[in-house]
């Protein structure tokens, strides 16, 4: 929840490491920022990336930076501006950033209520973000700078981005997303003296199924793929598309098709079972004096 009194005070004090002010200019459906050259999407992405890589921050849309007075956003442009911001965060920042958007009335010229958009950029705990043209930026006071190579290397290591993808934490997931029954079955098969641990987090981290950080324990990509009931909810494309065609060319004329979901081991088992049992799957047969062998 935004503390409006604190926000107004921060605006009056001016831009700093955690505050950016933007006067938005609309030309039809095109969006720009007053007194700023270049594409608005690229400039805003620089702000988002630099804040996420530092301590997070707040971008206030609808404030004139020169005198720090809210000038507002036209009410009929609300949806347009929201969509613009979401698109910048999703497509001009890599990995994508998920901002929190909040509309507030702030005192403008003469104290009249003025509609402004407050955009909260979270500090990134697991990723190091870059712009769509590949620049890793940090925020120093109200300025954006390239992250020095040595610091960037440390950040990548600290946030495990030097690790294989499957060992990295999957942001947005939690240990509750892992199926405890499947975990018990897996560890019981692997260790003859297995007993349920009091601290699942440490056990999962020891087997690269979770990562423990200052924000708690988070499943890795591997943990979600192996033990989430529906991993495709967390990882795009975490399923197998199976198709059987009339010919040996995938021309769209399918005899059968299905999407196989579930934990990865179960997906593999379902595919193997399909190949073994489906009458649509060709089987190599040989005849000899002993009869036919498939």
C-alpha atoms as a PDB file:
ATOM      1  CA  UNK A   1       0.000   0.000   0.000  1.00  0.00           C
ATOM      2  CA  UNK A   2       1.413   3.375  -1.021  1.00  0.00           C
ATOM      3  CA  UNK A   3       1.987   5.952   1.704  1.00  0.00           C
ATOM      4  CA  UNK A   4       0.664   8.990  -0.178  1.00  0.00           C
ATOM      5  CA  UNK A   5       2.118  11.506   2.281  1.00  0.00           C
ATOM      6  CA  UNK A   6       5.574   9.964   1.940  1.00  0.00           C
ATOM      7  CA  UNK A   7       5.207   9.805  -1.842  1.00  0.00           C
ATOM      8  CA  UNK A   8       4.284  13.502  -2.098  1.00  0.00           C
ATOM      9  CA  UNK A   9       7.263  14.371   0.088  1.00  0.00           C
ATOM     10  CA  UNK A  10       9.572  12.263  -2.096  1.00  0.00           C
ATOM     11  CA  UNK A  11       8.278  13.928  -5.269  1.00  0.00           C
ATOM     12  CA  UNK A  12       8.909  17.372  -3.800  1.00  0.00           C
ATOM     13  CA  UNK A  13      12.461  16.303  -2.916  1.00  0.00           C
ATOM     14  CA  UNK A  14      13.117  15.173  -6.496  1.00  0.00           C
ATOM     15  CA  UNK A  15      14.507  12.132  -8.262  1.00  0.00           C
ATOM     16  CA  UNK A  16      16.961   9.844  -6.539  1.00  0.00           C
ATOM     17  CA  UNK A  17      18.036   6.194  -6.577  1.00  0.00           C
ATOM     18  CA  UNK A  18      14.526   4.937  -5.890  1.00  0.00           C
ATOM     19  CA  UNK A  19      12.370   7.618  -7.567  1.00  0.00           C
ATOM     20  CA  UNK A  20      11.861   8.569 -11.219  1.00  0.00           C
ATOM     21  CA  UNK A  21       9.407  11.241 -12.415  1.00  0.00           C
ATOM     22  CA  UNK A  22       7.907  11.195 -15.899  1.00  0.00           C
ATOM     23  CA  UNK A  23       5.787  13.810 -17.662  1.00  0.00           C
ATOM     24  CA  UNK A  24       3.829  11.789 -20.208  1.00  0.00           C
ATOM     25  CA  UNK A  25       3.000  13.315 -23.600  1.00  0.00           C
ATOM     26  CA  UNK A  26       0.300  11.783 -25.812  1.00  0.00           C
ATOM     27  CA  UNK A  27       0.186  12.271 -29.572  1.00  0.00           C
ATOM     28  CA  UNK A  28      -2.904  10.336 -30.520  1.00  0.00           C
ATOM     29  CA  UNK A  29      -2.115   6.783 -29.439  1.00  0.00           C
ATOM     30  CA  UNK A  30       1.629   7.434 -29.346  1.00  0.00           C
ATOM     31  CA  UNK A  31       3.319   7.926 -25.983  1.00  0.00           C
ATOM     32  CA  UNK A  32       6.380  10.022 -25.279  1.00  0.00           C
ATOM     33  CA  UNK A  33       8.100  11.747 -22.380  1.00  0.00           C
ATOM     34  CA  UNK A  34       8.597  15.514 -22.204  1.00  0.00           C
ATOM     35  CA  UNK A  35      12.156  16.748 -22.799  1.00  0.00           C
ATOM     36  CA  UNK A  36      13.419  13.243 -23.620  1.00  0.00           C
ATOM     37  CA  UNK A  37      14.747  12.177 -27.001  1.00  0.00           C
ATOM     38  CA  UNK A  38      14.573   8.630 -28.314  1.00  0.00           C
ATOM     39  CA  UNK A  39      11.905   5.960 -28.206  1.00  0.00           C
ATOM     40  CA  UNK A  40       9.834   6.158 -25.039  1.00  0.00           C
ATOM     41  CA  UNK A  41       9.740   2.360 -24.677  1.00  0.00           C
ATOM     42  CA  UNK A  42      13.542   2.085 -24.750  1.00  0.00           C
ATOM     43  CA  UNK A  43      14.018   4.931 -22.278  1.00  0.00           C
ATOM     44  CA  UNK A  44      11.469   3.519 -19.860  1.00  0.00           C
ATOM     45  CA  UNK A  45      13.003   0.036 -20.112  1.00  0.00           C
ATOM     46  CA  UNK A  46      16.336   1.546 -19.038  1.00  0.00           C
ATOM     47  CA  UNK A  47      14.652   2.910 -15.910  1.00  0.00           C
ATOM     48  CA  UNK A  48      12.917  -0.386 -15.108  1.00  0.00           C
ATOM     49  CA  UNK A  49      16.063  -2.475 -15.626  1.00  0.00           C
ATOM     50  CA  UNK A  50      18.339  -0.160 -13.637  1.00  0.00           C
ATOM     51  CA  UNK A  51      15.921  -0.056 -10.696  1.00  0.00           C
ATOM     52  CA  UNK A  52      15.330  -3.817 -10.677  1.00  0.00           C
ATOM     53  CA  UNK A  53      19.094  -4.444 -10.674  1.00  0.00           C
ATOM     54  CA  UNK A  54      19.651  -2.038  -7.766  1.00  0.00           C
ATOM     55  CA  UNK A  55      17.128  -1.684  -4.935  1.00  0.00           C
ATOM     56  CA  UNK A  56      13.867  -1.420  -6.831  1.00  0.00           C
ATOM     57  CA  UNK A  57      12.037   1.877  -6.975  1.00  0.00           C
ATOM     58  CA  UNK A  58       9.024   3.955  -7.944  1.00  0.00           C
ATOM     59  CA  UNK A  59       8.232   5.624 -11.255  1.00  0.00           C
ATOM     60  CA  UNK A  60       5.537   8.311 -11.059  1.00  0.00           C
ATOM     61  CA  UNK A  61       3.820   8.931 -14.376  1.00  0.00           C
ATOM     62  CA  UNK A  62       2.274  12.365 -14.754  1.00  0.00           C
ATOM     63  CA  UNK A  63       4.761  14.588 -12.884  1.00  0.00           C
ATOM     64  CA  UNK A  64       6.688  17.453 -14.477  1.00  0.00           C
ATOM     65  CA  UNK A  65      10.292  16.839 -13.529  1.00  0.00           C
ATOM     66  CA  UNK A  66      11.426  20.454 -13.994  1.00  0.00           C
ATOM     67  CA  UNK A  67       9.374  21.775 -11.065  1.00  0.00           C
ATOM     68  CA  UNK A  68       8.139  18.449  -9.558  1.00  0.00           C
ATOM     69  CA  UNK A  69       4.483  19.357  -9.963  1.00  0.00           C
ATOM     70  CA  UNK A  70       1.945  16.644 -10.869  1.00  0.00           C
ATOM     71  CA  UNK A  71       0.339  17.496 -14.205  1.00  0.00           C
ATOM     72  CA  UNK A  72      -1.593  14.241 -14.474  1.00  0.00           C
ATOM     73  CA  UNK A  73      -2.728  11.692 -17.029  1.00  0.00           C
ATOM     74  CA  UNK A  74      -5.942  12.199 -19.069  1.00  0.00           C
ATOM     75  CA  UNK A  75      -8.527   9.740 -17.789  1.00  0.00           C
ATOM     76  CA  UNK A  76      -9.267   8.520 -21.323  1.00  0.00           C
ATOM     77  CA  UNK A  77      -5.600   7.496 -21.705  1.00  0.00           C
ATOM     78  CA  UNK A  78      -5.460   5.249 -18.639  1.00  0.00           C
ATOM     79  CA  UNK A  79      -5.761   1.947 -20.490  1.00  0.00           C
ATOM     80  CA  UNK A  80      -3.337   3.050 -23.194  1.00  0.00           C
ATOM     81  CA  UNK A  81      -0.659   3.986 -20.655  1.00  0.00           C
ATOM     82  CA  UNK A  82      -1.149   0.816 -18.609  1.00  0.00           C
ATOM     83  CA  UNK A  83      -0.773  -1.375 -21.694  1.00  0.00           C
ATOM     84  CA  UNK A  84       2.321   0.560 -22.736  1.00  0.00           C
ATOM     85  CA  UNK A  85       3.978  -0.013 -19.366  1.00  0.00           C
ATOM     86  CA  UNK A  86       3.093  -3.706 -19.280  1.00  0.00           C
ATOM     87  CA  UNK A  87       4.473  -4.159 -22.804  1.00  0.00           C
ATOM     88  CA  UNK A  88       7.731  -2.393 -21.925  1.00  0.00           C
ATOM     89  CA  UNK A  89       8.194  -4.537 -18.810  1.00  0.00           C
ATOM     90  CA  UNK A  90       7.446  -7.738 -20.724  1.00  0.00           C
ATOM     91  CA  UNK A  91       9.136  -7.135 -24.079  1.00  0.00           C
ATOM     92  CA  UNK A  92      11.859  -4.503 -23.547  1.00  0.00           C
ATOM     93  CA  UNK A  93      13.297  -6.007 -20.360  1.00  0.00           C
ATOM     94  CA  UNK A  94      15.026  -9.380 -20.261  1.00  0.00           C
ATOM     95  CA  UNK A  95      14.006 -11.285 -18.215  1.00  0.00           C
ATOM     96  CA  UNK A  96      10.636  -9.586 -17.991  1.00  0.00           C
ATOM     97  CA  UNK A  97       9.832  -7.388 -15.001  1.00  0.00           C
ATOM     98  CA  UNK A  98       6.478  -7.500 -13.221  1.00  0.00           C
ATOM     99  CA  UNK A  99       5.629  -3.970 -11.992  1.00  0.00           C
ATOM    100  CA  UNK A 100       2.799  -3.058  -9.642  1.00  0.00           C
ATOM    101  CA  UNK A 101       0.544  -0.300 -11.005  1.00  0.00           C
ATOM    102  CA  UNK A 102      -1.529   1.981  -8.800  1.00  0.00           C
ATOM    103  CA  UNK A 103      -3.566   5.038  -9.812  1.00  0.00           C
ATOM    104  CA  UNK A 104      -3.568   7.889  -7.300  1.00  0.00           C
ATOM    105  CA  UNK A 105      -4.808  11.469  -7.152  1.00  0.00           C
ATOM    106  CA  UNK A 106      -1.929  13.759  -6.182  1.00  0.00           C
ATOM    107  CA  UNK A 107      -2.134  17.512  -5.510  1.00  0.00           C
ATOM    108  CA  UNK A 108      -1.328  19.360  -8.734  1.00  0.00           C
ATOM    109  CA  UNK A 109      -1.092  23.070  -9.514  1.00  0.00           C
ATOM    110  CA  UNK A 110      -3.212  25.009  -7.046  1.00  0.00           C
ATOM    111  CA  UNK A 111      -3.673  21.857  -4.998  1.00  0.00           C
ATOM    112  CA  UNK A 112      -6.262  20.376  -7.374  1.00  0.00           C
ATOM    113  CA  UNK A 113      -6.442  16.543  -7.446  1.00  0.00           C
ATOM    114  CA  UNK A 114      -4.454  15.227 -10.402  1.00  0.00           C
ATOM    115  CA  UNK A 115      -4.581  11.633 -11.647  1.00  0.00           C
ATOM    116  CA  UNK A 116      -1.142   9.993 -11.732  1.00  0.00           C
ATOM    117  CA  UNK A 117       0.072   6.429 -12.228  1.00  0.00           C
ATOM    118  CA  UNK A 118       2.445   4.982  -9.644  1.00  0.00           C
ATOM    119  CA  UNK A 119       4.634   2.169 -10.989  1.00  0.00           C
ATOM    120  CA  UNK A 120       6.478   0.089  -8.393  1.00  0.00           C
ATOM    121  CA  UNK A 121       9.516  -1.833  -9.681  1.00  0.00           C
ATOM    122  CA  UNK A 122      10.575  -4.682  -7.380  1.00  0.00           C
ATOM    123  CA  UNK A 123      14.212  -5.331  -6.583  1.00  0.00           C
ATOM    124  CA  UNK A 124      15.293  -8.478  -8.419  1.00  0.00           C
ATOM    125  CA  UNK A 125      16.383 -11.269  -6.082  1.00  0.00           C
ATOM    126  CA  UNK A 126      17.254 -13.960  -8.612  1.00  0.00           C
ATOM    127  CA  UNK A 127      17.773 -12.320 -12.016  1.00  0.00           C
ATOM    128  CA  UNK A 128      20.055  -9.693 -13.482  1.00  0.00           C
ATOM    129  CA  UNK A 129      17.978  -7.771 -16.007  1.00  0.00           C
ATOM    130  CA  UNK A 130      19.107  -6.272 -19.286  1.00  0.00           C
ATOM    131  CA  UNK A 131      17.520  -4.072 -21.910  1.00  0.00           C
ATOM    132  CA  UNK A 132      16.374  -5.562 -25.211  1.00  0.00           C
ATOM    133  CA  UNK A 133      19.645  -4.400 -26.806  1.00  0.00           C
ATOM    134  CA  UNK A 134      21.693  -6.290 -24.202  1.00  0.00           C
ATOM    135  CA  UNK A 135      22.746  -3.610 -21.688  1.00  0.00           C
ATOM    136  CA  UNK A 136      22.943  -4.486 -17.989  1.00  0.00           C
ATOM    137  CA  UNK A 137      22.177  -1.250 -16.120  1.00  0.00           C
ATOM    138  CA  UNK A 138      22.256  -0.098 -12.515  1.00  0.00           C
ATOM    139  CA  UNK A 139      20.883   3.024 -10.890  1.00  0.00           C
ATOM    140  CA  UNK A 140      23.250   5.496  -9.235  1.00  0.00           C
ATOM    141  CA  UNK A 141      21.307   8.389  -7.708  1.00  0.00           C
ATOM    142  CA  UNK A 142      18.943   9.467 -10.496  1.00  0.00           C
ATOM    143  CA  UNK A 143      21.261   8.229 -13.245  1.00  0.00           C
ATOM    144  CA  UNK A 144      21.480   4.972 -15.188  1.00  0.00           C
ATOM    145  CA  UNK A 145      24.874   3.384 -15.735  1.00  0.00           C
ATOM    146  CA  UNK A 146      26.271   0.208 -17.218  1.00  0.00           C
ATOM    147  CA  UNK A 147      27.104  -2.313 -14.512  1.00  0.00           C
ATOM    148  CA  UNK A 148      30.917  -2.699 -14.404  1.00  0.00           C
ATOM    149  CA  UNK A 149      32.105  -6.076 -15.691  1.00  0.00           C
ATOM    150  CA  UNK A 150      33.495  -7.259 -12.338  1.00  0.00           C
ATOM    151  CA  UNK A 151      30.305  -6.377 -10.461  1.00  0.00           C
ATOM    152  CA  UNK A 152      28.166  -7.957 -13.161  1.00  0.00           C
ATOM    153  CA  UNK A 153      30.139 -11.199 -12.841  1.00  0.00           C
ATOM    154  CA  UNK A 154      29.598 -11.181  -9.064  1.00  0.00           C
ATOM    155  CA  UNK A 155      25.874 -10.512  -9.467  1.00  0.00           C
ATOM    156  CA  UNK A 156      25.486 -13.349 -11.965  1.00  0.00           C
ATOM    157  CA  UNK A 157      27.285 -15.719  -9.602  1.00  0.00           C
ATOM    158  CA  UNK A 158      25.395 -14.583  -6.492  1.00  0.00           C
ATOM    159  CA  UNK A 159      22.055 -14.965  -8.260  1.00  0.00           C
ATOM    160  CA  UNK A 160      23.115 -18.369  -9.591  1.00  0.00           C
ATOM    161  CA  UNK A 161      22.857 -17.259 -13.202  1.00  0.00           C
ATOM    162  CA  UNK A 162      26.211 -18.924 -13.830  1.00  0.00           C
ATOM    163  CA  UNK A 163      24.509 -22.183 -12.868  1.00  0.00           C
ATOM    164  CA  UNK A 164      22.685 -24.379 -15.391  1.00  0.00           C
ATOM    165  CA  UNK A 165      19.098 -23.288 -15.970  1.00  0.00           C
ATOM    166  CA  UNK A 166      17.651 -26.335 -14.220  1.00  0.00           C
ATOM    167  CA  UNK A 167      19.481 -25.421 -10.983  1.00  0.00           C
ATOM    168  CA  UNK A 168      18.237 -21.827 -10.889  1.00  0.00           C
ATOM    169  CA  UNK A 169      15.301 -20.836  -8.669  1.00  0.00           C
ATOM    170  CA  UNK A 170      11.962 -20.481 -10.419  1.00  0.00           C
ATOM    171  CA  UNK A 171      10.584 -17.089  -9.407  1.00  0.00           C
ATOM    172  CA  UNK A 172       6.906 -17.189  -8.505  1.00  0.00           C
ATOM    173  CA  UNK A 173       6.935 -20.753  -7.199  1.00  0.00           C
ATOM    174  CA  UNK A 174       7.127 -22.039  -3.624  1.00  0.00           C
ATOM    175  CA  UNK A 175       7.831 -25.320  -1.854  1.00  0.00           C
ATOM    176  CA  UNK A 176       4.067 -25.777  -1.503  1.00  0.00           C
ATOM    177  CA  UNK A 177       3.964 -26.265  -5.280  1.00  0.00           C
ATOM    178  CA  UNK A 178       5.961 -29.501  -4.975  1.00  0.00           C
ATOM    179  CA  UNK A 179       3.921 -32.661  -4.436  1.00  0.00           C
ATOM    180  CA  UNK A 180       5.048 -34.154  -1.117  1.00  0.00           C
ATOM    181  CA  UNK A 181       3.776 -37.642  -1.982  1.00  0.00           C
ATOM    182  CA  UNK A 182       5.946 -37.763  -5.095  1.00  0.00           C
ATOM    183  CA  UNK A 183       8.909 -36.430  -3.130  1.00  0.00           C
ATOM    184  CA  UNK A 184       8.466 -39.139  -0.487  1.00  0.00           C
ATOM    185  CA  UNK A 185       8.245 -41.843  -3.151  1.00  0.00           C
ATOM    186  CA  UNK A 186      11.345 -40.577  -4.929  1.00  0.00           C
ATOM    187  CA  UNK A 187      13.556 -40.363  -1.844  1.00  0.00           C
ATOM    188  CA  UNK A 188      12.267 -43.686  -0.484  1.00  0.00           C
ATOM    189  CA  UNK A 189      13.323 -45.413  -3.707  1.00  0.00           C
ATOM    190  CA  UNK A 190      16.701 -43.710  -3.734  1.00  0.00           C
ATOM    191  CA  UNK A 191      17.646 -44.115  -0.061  1.00  0.00           C
ATOM    192  CA  UNK A 192      16.891 -47.324   1.845  1.00  0.00           C
ATOM    193  CA  UNK A 193      17.103 -45.586   5.238  1.00  0.00           C
ATOM    194  CA  UNK A 194      14.940 -42.632   4.196  1.00  0.00           C
ATOM    195  CA  UNK A 195      12.752 -40.853   6.748  1.00  0.00           C
ATOM    196  CA  UNK A 196      10.699 -37.701   6.256  1.00  0.00           C
ATOM    197  CA  UNK A 197      12.843 -34.661   7.158  1.00  0.00           C
ATOM    198  CA  UNK A 198      11.734 -31.966   9.561  1.00  0.00           C
ATOM    199  CA  UNK A 199      13.268 -29.389   7.231  1.00  0.00           C
ATOM    200  CA  UNK A 200      12.322 -30.096   3.621  1.00  0.00           C
ATOM    201  CA  UNK A 201      14.064 -26.930   2.414  1.00  0.00           C
ATOM    202  CA  UNK A 202      17.565 -28.107   3.358  1.00  0.00           C
ATOM    203  CA  UNK A 203      16.975 -31.563   1.902  1.00  0.00           C
ATOM    204  CA  UNK A 204      15.691 -30.193  -1.392  1.00  0.00           C
ATOM    205  CA  UNK A 205      18.531 -27.664  -1.599  1.00  0.00           C
ATOM    206  CA  UNK A 206      21.088 -30.447  -1.082  1.00  0.00           C
ATOM    207  CA  UNK A 207      19.675 -32.235  -4.133  1.00  0.00           C
ATOM    208  CA  UNK A 208      19.419 -29.064  -6.278  1.00  0.00           C
ATOM    209  CA  UNK A 209      15.636 -29.170  -6.153  1.00  0.00           C
ATOM    210  CA  UNK A 210      15.430 -25.832  -4.300  1.00  0.00           C
ATOM    211  CA  UNK A 211      17.541 -22.775  -3.545  1.00  0.00           C
ATOM    212  CA  UNK A 212      17.660 -21.091  -0.141  1.00  0.00           C
ATOM    213  CA  UNK A 213      18.139 -17.317  -0.131  1.00  0.00           C
ATOM    214  CA  UNK A 214      17.300 -14.327   2.032  1.00  0.00           C
ATOM    215  CA  UNK A 215      13.689 -14.511   0.834  1.00  0.00           C
ATOM    216  CA  UNK A 216      13.320 -18.180   1.806  1.00  0.00           C
ATOM    217  CA  UNK A 217      13.393 -21.458  -0.112  1.00  0.00           C
ATOM    218  CA  UNK A 218      12.360 -21.496  -3.770  1.00  0.00           C
ATOM    219  CA  UNK A 219      12.079 -24.566  -6.019  1.00  0.00           C
ATOM    220  CA  UNK A 220      14.501 -24.811  -8.912  1.00  0.00           C
ATOM    221  CA  UNK A 221      13.366 -25.428 -12.476  1.00  0.00           C
ATOM    222  CA  UNK A 222      14.397 -29.057 -11.939  1.00  0.00           C
ATOM    223  CA  UNK A 223      12.291 -29.332  -8.791  1.00  0.00           C
ATOM    224  CA  UNK A 224       9.205 -28.006 -10.560  1.00  0.00           C
ATOM    225  CA  UNK A 225       9.700 -30.220 -13.624  1.00  0.00           C
ATOM    226  CA  UNK A 226      10.058 -33.369 -11.533  1.00  0.00           C
ATOM    227  CA  UNK A 227       7.661 -32.814  -8.648  1.00  0.00           C
ATOM    228  CA  UNK A 228       5.019 -30.189  -9.479  1.00  0.00           C
ATOM    229  CA  UNK A 229       1.643 -31.685 -10.365  1.00  0.00           C
ATOM    230  CA  UNK A 230       1.305 -29.289 -13.307  1.00  0.00           C
ATOM    231  CA  UNK A 231       4.761 -27.908 -14.177  1.00  0.00           C
ATOM    232  CA  UNK A 232       3.352 -26.218 -17.285  1.00  0.00           C
ATOM    233  CA  UNK A 233       1.684 -23.696 -14.961  1.00  0.00           C
ATOM    234  CA  UNK A 234       5.134 -22.436 -13.963  1.00  0.00           C
ATOM    235  CA  UNK A 235       7.299 -23.192 -17.013  1.00  0.00           C
ATOM    236  CA  UNK A 236       5.981 -22.391 -20.459  1.00  0.00           C
ATOM    237  CA  UNK A 237       6.103 -25.432 -22.721  1.00  0.00           C
ATOM    238  CA  UNK A 238       6.710 -27.970 -19.929  1.00  0.00           C
ATOM    239  CA  UNK A 239       4.697 -30.633 -21.703  1.00  0.00           C
ATOM    240  CA  UNK A 240       5.022 -32.999 -24.675  1.00  0.00           C
ATOM    241  CA  UNK A 241       2.965 -32.597 -27.836  1.00  0.00           C
ATOM    242  CA  UNK A 242       2.482 -35.988 -29.484  1.00  0.00           C
ATOM    243  CA  UNK A 243       1.184 -36.415 -33.029  1.00  0.00           C
ATOM    244  CA  UNK A 244       0.784 -39.433 -35.315  1.00  0.00           C
ATOM    245  CA  UNK A 245       0.573 -38.633 -39.040  1.00  0.00           C
ATOM    246  CA  UNK A 246      -0.823 -40.549 -42.001  1.00  0.00           C
ATOM    247  CA  UNK A 247       2.592 -40.413 -43.663  1.00  0.00           C
ATOM    248  CA  UNK A 248       6.213 -39.977 -42.627  1.00  0.00           C
ATOM    249  CA  UNK A 249       5.915 -36.239 -43.308  1.00  0.00           C
ATOM    250  CA  UNK A 250       4.332 -33.912 -40.681  1.00  0.00           C
ATOM    251  CA  UNK A 251       1.861 -32.412 -43.151  1.00  0.00           C
ATOM    252  CA  UNK A 252      -0.935 -31.699 -40.690  1.00  0.00           C
ATOM    253  CA  UNK A 253      -2.942 -34.835 -41.509  1.00  0.00           C
ATOM    254  CA  UNK A 254      -2.851 -36.404 -38.072  1.00  0.00           C
ATOM    255  CA  UNK A 255      -4.368 -39.736 -37.134  1.00  0.00           C
ATOM    256  CA  UNK A 256      -3.992 -38.953 -33.456  1.00  0.00           C
ATOM    257  CA  UNK A 257      -2.662 -36.052 -31.367  1.00  0.00           C
ATOM    258  CA  UNK A 258      -2.540 -35.253 -27.698  1.00  0.00           C
ATOM    259  CA  UNK A 259      -0.758 -33.085 -25.165  1.00  0.00           C
ATOM    260  CA  UNK A 260       0.991 -34.998 -22.396  1.00  0.00           C
ATOM    261  CA  UNK A 261       1.250 -33.107 -19.096  1.00  0.00           C
ATOM    262  CA  UNK A 262       2.258 -33.793 -15.511  1.00  0.00           C
ATOM    263  CA  UNK A 263       5.645 -34.222 -13.787  1.00  0.00           C
ATOM    264  CA  UNK A 264       8.383 -35.023 -16.304  1.00  0.00           C
ATOM    265  CA  UNK A 265       8.896 -38.684 -15.266  1.00  0.00           C
ATOM    266  CA  UNK A 266       5.176 -39.309 -15.725  1.00  0.00           C
ATOM    267  CA  UNK A 267       5.200 -37.594 -19.117  1.00  0.00           C
ATOM    268  CA  UNK A 268       7.969 -39.928 -20.268  1.00  0.00           C
ATOM    269  CA  UNK A 269       6.140 -42.975 -18.893  1.00  0.00           C
ATOM    270  CA  UNK A 270       2.944 -41.968 -20.705  1.00  0.00           C
ATOM    271  CA  UNK A 271       4.792 -41.555 -24.006  1.00  0.00           C
ATOM    272  CA  UNK A 272       6.523 -44.942 -23.677  1.00  0.00           C
ATOM    273  CA  UNK A 273       3.210 -46.575 -22.786  1.00  0.00           C
ATOM    274  CA  UNK A 274       1.574 -44.966 -25.816  1.00  0.00           C
ATOM    275  CA  UNK A 275       4.231 -46.275 -28.183  1.00  0.00           C
ATOM    276  CA  UNK A 276       3.951 -49.740 -26.695  1.00  0.00           C
ATOM    277  CA  UNK A 277       0.155 -49.954 -26.799  1.00  0.00           C
ATOM    278  CA  UNK A 278      -1.066 -47.764 -29.654  1.00  0.00           C
ATOM    279  CA  UNK A 279      -2.220 -49.635 -32.785  1.00  0.00           C
ATOM    280  CA  UNK A 280      -1.171 -46.548 -34.746  1.00  0.00           C
ATOM    281  CA  UNK A 281       2.514 -47.060 -33.972  1.00  0.00           C
ATOM    282  CA  UNK A 282       4.295 -49.239 -36.567  1.00  0.00           C
ATOM    283  CA  UNK A 283       6.038 -52.335 -35.201  1.00  0.00           C
ATOM    284  CA  UNK A 284       8.999 -54.048 -36.805  1.00  0.00           C
ATOM    285  CA  UNK A 285       8.274 -57.775 -37.312  1.00  0.00           C
ATOM    286  CA  UNK A 286      10.539 -60.628 -38.385  1.00  0.00           C
ATOM    287  CA  UNK A 287       9.611 -64.143 -39.443  1.00  0.00           C
ATOM    288  CA  UNK A 288      11.826 -67.133 -38.927  1.00  0.00           C
ATOM    289  CA  UNK A 289      11.489 -70.860 -38.496  1.00  0.00           C
ATOM    290  CA  UNK A 290      10.451 -70.197 -34.929  1.00  0.00           C
ATOM    291  CA  UNK A 291       7.566 -68.027 -36.056  1.00  0.00           C
ATOM    292  CA  UNK A 292       6.934 -64.270 -35.985  1.00  0.00           C
ATOM    293  CA  UNK A 293       8.755 -61.968 -33.613  1.00  0.00           C
ATOM    294  CA  UNK A 294       7.706 -58.319 -33.093  1.00  0.00           C
END
